[in-house]
Amino acid sequence: MAAALAVATVALVLAVVLMVVRPWEGEAPSPSGFEVDPARVAELEAAEAERAVENLTAAGELAQSAQERLLPVMDGLYEALPPEDEPAEGEPAEQAEPARPTSAELGEWRDVVDDVAADVEALPTGSSEHNIVRNGLLLSTGLLGDTLDVLELAAGTDGGGDAGDDPAQLHDVAGDLRSRAVDAWAVAAVQLDLQYIEADRGHLHAFLPLHSGMAAEGEAEVPHGDH
């Protein structure tokens, strides 16, 4: 009798141990060992989609607003730094004289560039595509700021001193920085245009031209592709 009782006790203990150690027996475990809540997953996906829509709207509105604000700056830079193959209208190349900006004009342009840069910086980060737009606009405004730095340096020189202080060379550097700013903006604008198309919003052409007389879409060096 005692032996039978002992055997029954051991069997009961083993059954309890198995229930504790293997509580998932008879259930289909998740690959990670954690149960996935489909409702929670759907909720997170919906929140991410909503965030992407908000980011796209914010980036599109900012790009258009920034383009409008920067056009007077680009016009001024174009007069101060005309491409070598584009002399002033109606004048032969050897007679063209760029209109160098005053310190007051440079200050006004810097205020605009700084304001736009701050607005771009305030854009939240998001998807990889969105971040390409944000980072491209940030790079472009930074290059425009560098352009103004070099122009201010050139304005404070008289052509004497080292070759690095030659205003003509400084203006060449400023012109190159301005062109790089336009290119960086174009990359961001193309990405933004593609996002608008994918979201069934149509095209959005928010390119930054060298000057307001250029058709922003037609003058952009970065190709759109066929849509």
Protein backbone atom coordinates (compact mmCIF):
# COMPACT_ATOMS: atom_id res chain seq x y z
CA MET A 1 0.00 0.00 0.00
CA ALA A 2 2.78 2.39 0.94
CA ALA A 3 4.65 1.52 -2.23
CA ALA A 4 1.60 2.22 -4.37
CA LEU A 5 1.11 5.55 -2.65
CA ALA A 6 4.73 6.47 -3.25
CA VAL A 7 4.45 5.65 -6.95
CA ALA A 8 1.28 7.73 -7.27
CA THR A 9 3.00 10.66 -5.55
CA VAL A 10 5.99 10.49 -7.90
CA ALA A 11 3.69 10.38 -10.92
CA LEU A 12 1.79 13.42 -9.70
CA VAL A 13 5.03 15.37 -9.16
CA LEU A 14 6.24 14.50 -12.66
CA ALA A 15 2.95 15.65 -14.16
CA VAL A 16 3.20 19.01 -12.37
CA VAL A 17 6.82 19.48 -13.47
CA LEU A 18 5.92 18.82 -17.09
CA MET A 19 3.07 21.32 -16.92
CA VAL A 20 5.42 24.01 -15.54
CA VAL A 21 8.37 23.33 -17.81
CA ARG A 22 6.32 22.80 -21.00
CA PRO A 23 3.26 25.05 -20.65
CA TRP A 24 3.07 25.48 -24.45
CA GLU A 25 2.48 21.77 -25.09
CA GLY A 26 -0.48 21.42 -27.39
CA GLU A 27 -0.19 25.08 -28.63
CA ALA A 28 1.55 26.46 -31.71
CA PRO A 29 4.42 28.65 -30.44
CA SER A 30 5.37 31.84 -32.29
CA PRO A 31 8.81 31.77 -33.97
CA SER A 32 10.23 34.28 -31.46
CA GLY A 33 8.64 32.73 -28.43
CA PHE A 34 6.36 35.75 -28.03
CA GLU A 35 2.75 35.93 -29.05
CA VAL A 36 2.07 38.47 -31.82
CA ASP A 37 -1.02 40.63 -31.50
CA PRO A 38 -2.37 41.19 -35.03
CA ALA A 39 -4.49 44.11 -33.85
CA ARG A 40 -1.43 45.84 -32.41
CA VAL A 41 0.56 45.24 -35.60
CA ALA A 42 -2.25 46.74 -37.68
CA GLU A 43 -2.39 49.72 -35.34
CA LEU A 44 1.35 50.37 -35.68
CA GLU A 45 1.21 50.03 -39.47
CA ALA A 46 -1.68 52.49 -39.67
CA ALA A 47 0.20 54.99 -37.49
CA GLU A 48 3.29 54.67 -39.72
CA ALA A 49 1.22 55.22 -42.85
CA GLU A 50 -0.39 58.31 -41.32
CA ARG A 51 3.01 59.64 -40.36
CA ALA A 52 4.28 59.14 -43.91
CA VAL A 53 1.34 61.11 -45.30
CA GLU A 54 1.96 63.94 -42.85
CA ASN A 55 5.67 64.02 -43.67
CA LEU A 56 4.99 64.10 -47.41
CA THR A 57 2.54 66.97 -47.04
CA ALA A 58 4.92 68.93 -44.82
CA ALA A 59 7.90 68.38 -47.14
CA GLY A 60 5.90 69.37 -50.22
CA GLU A 61 4.53 72.54 -48.66
CA LEU A 62 7.96 73.52 -47.34
CA ALA A 63 9.71 72.89 -50.66
CA GLN A 64 7.24 75.14 -52.49
CA SER A 65 7.40 77.86 -49.84
CA ALA A 66 11.20 77.71 -49.71
CA GLN A 67 11.44 77.88 -53.49
CA GLU A 68 9.34 81.07 -53.50
CA ARG A 69 11.37 82.67 -50.72
CA LEU A 70 14.72 81.76 -52.24
CA LEU A 71 14.04 82.95 -55.79
CA PRO A 72 15.00 86.60 -55.04
CA VAL A 73 18.23 85.31 -53.48
CA MET A 74 18.94 83.18 -56.54
CA ASP A 75 18.28 86.19 -58.81
CA GLY A 76 20.76 88.25 -56.81
CA LEU A 77 23.35 85.50 -56.88
CA TYR A 78 22.87 85.11 -60.62
CA GLU A 79 23.63 88.79 -61.16
CA ALA A 80 26.63 88.60 -58.85
CA LEU A 81 27.88 85.26 -60.18
CA PRO A 82 26.76 84.89 -63.81
CA PRO A 83 28.03 81.76 -65.59
CA GLU A 84 31.08 82.54 -67.71
CA ASP A 85 29.22 81.67 -70.92
CA GLU A 86 26.29 83.96 -70.10
CA PRO A 87 27.25 87.66 -70.11
CA ALA A 88 24.78 90.36 -69.19
CA GLU A 89 21.95 90.61 -71.71
CA GLY A 90 22.82 92.78 -74.71
CA GLU A 91 26.50 93.04 -73.80
CA PRO A 92 29.50 91.22 -75.25
CA ALA A 93 31.28 88.96 -72.82
CA GLU A 94 34.31 91.22 -72.47
CA GLN A 95 32.12 94.16 -71.41
CA ALA A 96 29.89 92.32 -68.96
CA GLU A 97 30.46 93.40 -65.38
CA PRO A 98 28.75 91.35 -62.63
CA ALA A 99 26.70 93.30 -60.10
CA ARG A 100 28.53 92.49 -56.88
CA PRO A 101 26.23 92.51 -53.86
CA THR A 102 26.46 95.06 -51.06
CA SER A 103 26.87 94.03 -47.45
CA ALA A 104 23.22 94.94 -46.86
CA GLU A 105 22.10 92.69 -49.70
CA LEU A 106 24.25 89.85 -48.42
CA GLY A 107 22.69 90.29 -45.00
CA GLU A 108 19.17 90.13 -46.44
CA TRP A 109 20.00 87.02 -48.43
CA ARG A 110 21.52 85.34 -45.39
CA ASP A 111 18.38 86.00 -43.34
CA VAL A 112 16.28 84.26 -45.99
CA VAL A 113 18.65 81.30 -46.31
CA ASP A 114 18.89 80.89 -42.55
CA ASP A 115 15.11 80.97 -42.18
CA VAL A 116 14.65 78.31 -44.84
CA ALA A 117 17.40 76.17 -43.33
CA ALA A 118 15.71 76.38 -39.91
CA ASP A 119 12.38 75.31 -41.42
CA VAL A 120 14.01 72.33 -43.14
CA GLU A 121 15.80 71.38 -39.93
CA ALA A 122 12.43 71.38 -38.17
CA LEU A 123 11.05 68.77 -40.55
CA PRO A 124 10.76 65.45 -38.70
CA THR A 125 12.73 62.50 -39.96
CA GLY A 126 10.85 59.59 -41.47
CA SER A 127 11.21 56.97 -44.16
CA SER A 128 14.35 56.64 -46.24
CA GLU A 129 12.64 58.42 -49.14
CA HIS A 130 11.52 61.28 -46.93
CA ASN A 131 14.98 61.63 -45.41
CA ILE A 132 16.51 61.94 -48.89
CA VAL A 133 14.31 64.99 -49.44
CA ARG A 134 15.03 66.47 -46.01
CA ASN A 135 18.78 65.91 -46.20
CA GLY A 136 18.97 67.21 -49.77
CA LEU A 137 17.25 70.45 -48.83
CA LEU A 138 19.49 70.80 -45.78
CA LEU A 139 22.59 70.27 -47.89
CA SER A 140 21.40 72.81 -50.44
CA THR A 141 20.68 75.54 -47.89
CA GLY A 142 24.02 74.84 -46.25
CA LEU A 143 25.80 75.31 -49.58
CA LEU A 144 23.91 78.56 -50.18
CA GLY A 145 25.11 79.74 -46.79
CA ASP A 146 28.67 78.83 -47.76
CA THR A 147 28.20 80.78 -51.00
CA LEU A 148 27.33 83.89 -49.01
CA ASP A 149 30.30 83.32 -46.70
CA VAL A 150 32.67 83.35 -49.67
CA LEU A 151 31.00 86.42 -51.18
CA GLU A 152 31.43 88.27 -47.89
CA LEU A 153 35.08 87.27 -47.86
CA ALA A 154 35.50 88.47 -51.45
CA ALA A 155 33.86 91.79 -50.59
CA GLY A 156 36.45 92.36 -47.88
CA THR A 157 39.44 91.88 -50.21
CA ASP A 158 40.97 94.26 -52.72
CA GLY A 159 42.84 91.80 -54.88
CA GLY A 160 46.08 92.06 -52.93
CA GLY A 161 47.78 89.48 -50.77
CA ASP A 162 47.90 85.76 -51.38
CA ALA A 163 46.27 84.13 -54.36
CA GLY A 164 43.68 82.69 -51.99
CA ASP A 165 42.52 86.24 -51.25
CA ASP A 166 41.99 87.14 -54.90
CA PRO A 167 38.34 88.29 -55.29
CA ALA A 168 38.12 86.76 -58.77
CA GLN A 169 39.10 83.35 -57.43
CA LEU A 170 36.73 83.73 -54.49
CA HIS A 171 33.90 84.57 -56.85
CA ASP A 172 34.70 81.41 -58.83
CA VAL A 173 34.47 79.38 -55.62
CA ALA A 174 31.20 81.07 -54.70
CA GLY A 175 29.78 80.31 -58.14
CA ASP A 176 30.71 76.65 -57.80
CA LEU A 177 29.07 76.45 -54.36
CA ARG A 178 25.90 78.05 -55.73
CA SER A 179 25.79 75.47 -58.55
CA ARG A 180 26.26 72.63 -56.07
CA ALA A 181 23.39 74.01 -54.00
CA VAL A 182 21.12 73.94 -57.07
CA ASP A 183 22.17 70.34 -57.83
CA ALA A 184 21.55 69.19 -54.25
CA TRP A 185 18.11 70.79 -54.28
CA ALA A 186 17.34 69.09 -57.60
CA VAL A 187 18.05 65.64 -56.15
CA ALA A 188 15.67 66.35 -53.27
CA ALA A 189 13.04 67.77 -55.64
CA VAL A 190 13.15 64.69 -57.89
CA GLN A 191 12.67 62.40 -54.89
CA LEU A 192 9.78 64.53 -53.67
CA ASP A 193 8.19 64.46 -57.11
CA LEU A 194 8.44 60.65 -57.17
CA GLN A 195 6.83 60.41 -53.74
CA TYR A 196 3.94 62.59 -54.89
CA ILE A 197 3.42 60.39 -57.92
CA GLU A 198 3.47 57.21 -55.82
CA ALA A 199 0.92 58.77 -53.46
CA ASP A 200 -1.37 59.59 -56.43
CA ARG A 201 -0.96 63.31 -55.86
CA GLY A 202 0.36 64.05 -59.33
CA HIS A 203 3.62 65.87 -60.03
CA LEU A 204 5.22 68.38 -57.71
CA HIS A 205 7.95 70.49 -59.35
CA ALA A 206 9.68 72.42 -56.59
CA PHE A 207 13.12 72.81 -58.17
CA LEU A 208 15.45 75.68 -57.33
CA PRO A 209 16.60 77.33 -60.58
CA LEU A 210 19.69 79.48 -61.05
CA HIS A 211 17.35 82.44 -61.49
CA SER A 212 13.62 83.05 -61.68
CA GLY A 213 13.69 83.51 -65.45
CA MET A 214 14.46 79.84 -65.91
CA ALA A 215 11.71 77.23 -66.09
CA ALA A 216 12.45 75.28 -62.93
CA GLU A 217 11.37 71.96 -64.40
CA GLY A 218 12.97 72.38 -67.80
CA GLU A 219 16.29 73.71 -66.54
CA ALA A 220 16.86 71.02 -63.90
CA GLU A 221 19.87 68.92 -64.81
CA VAL A 222 18.63 65.85 -62.93
CA PRO A 223 16.25 63.87 -65.20
CA HIS A 224 12.66 63.23 -64.12
CA GLY A 225 12.08 60.06 -66.11
CA ASP A 226 8.80 59.44 -67.90
CA HIS A 227 5.67 59.49 -65.79
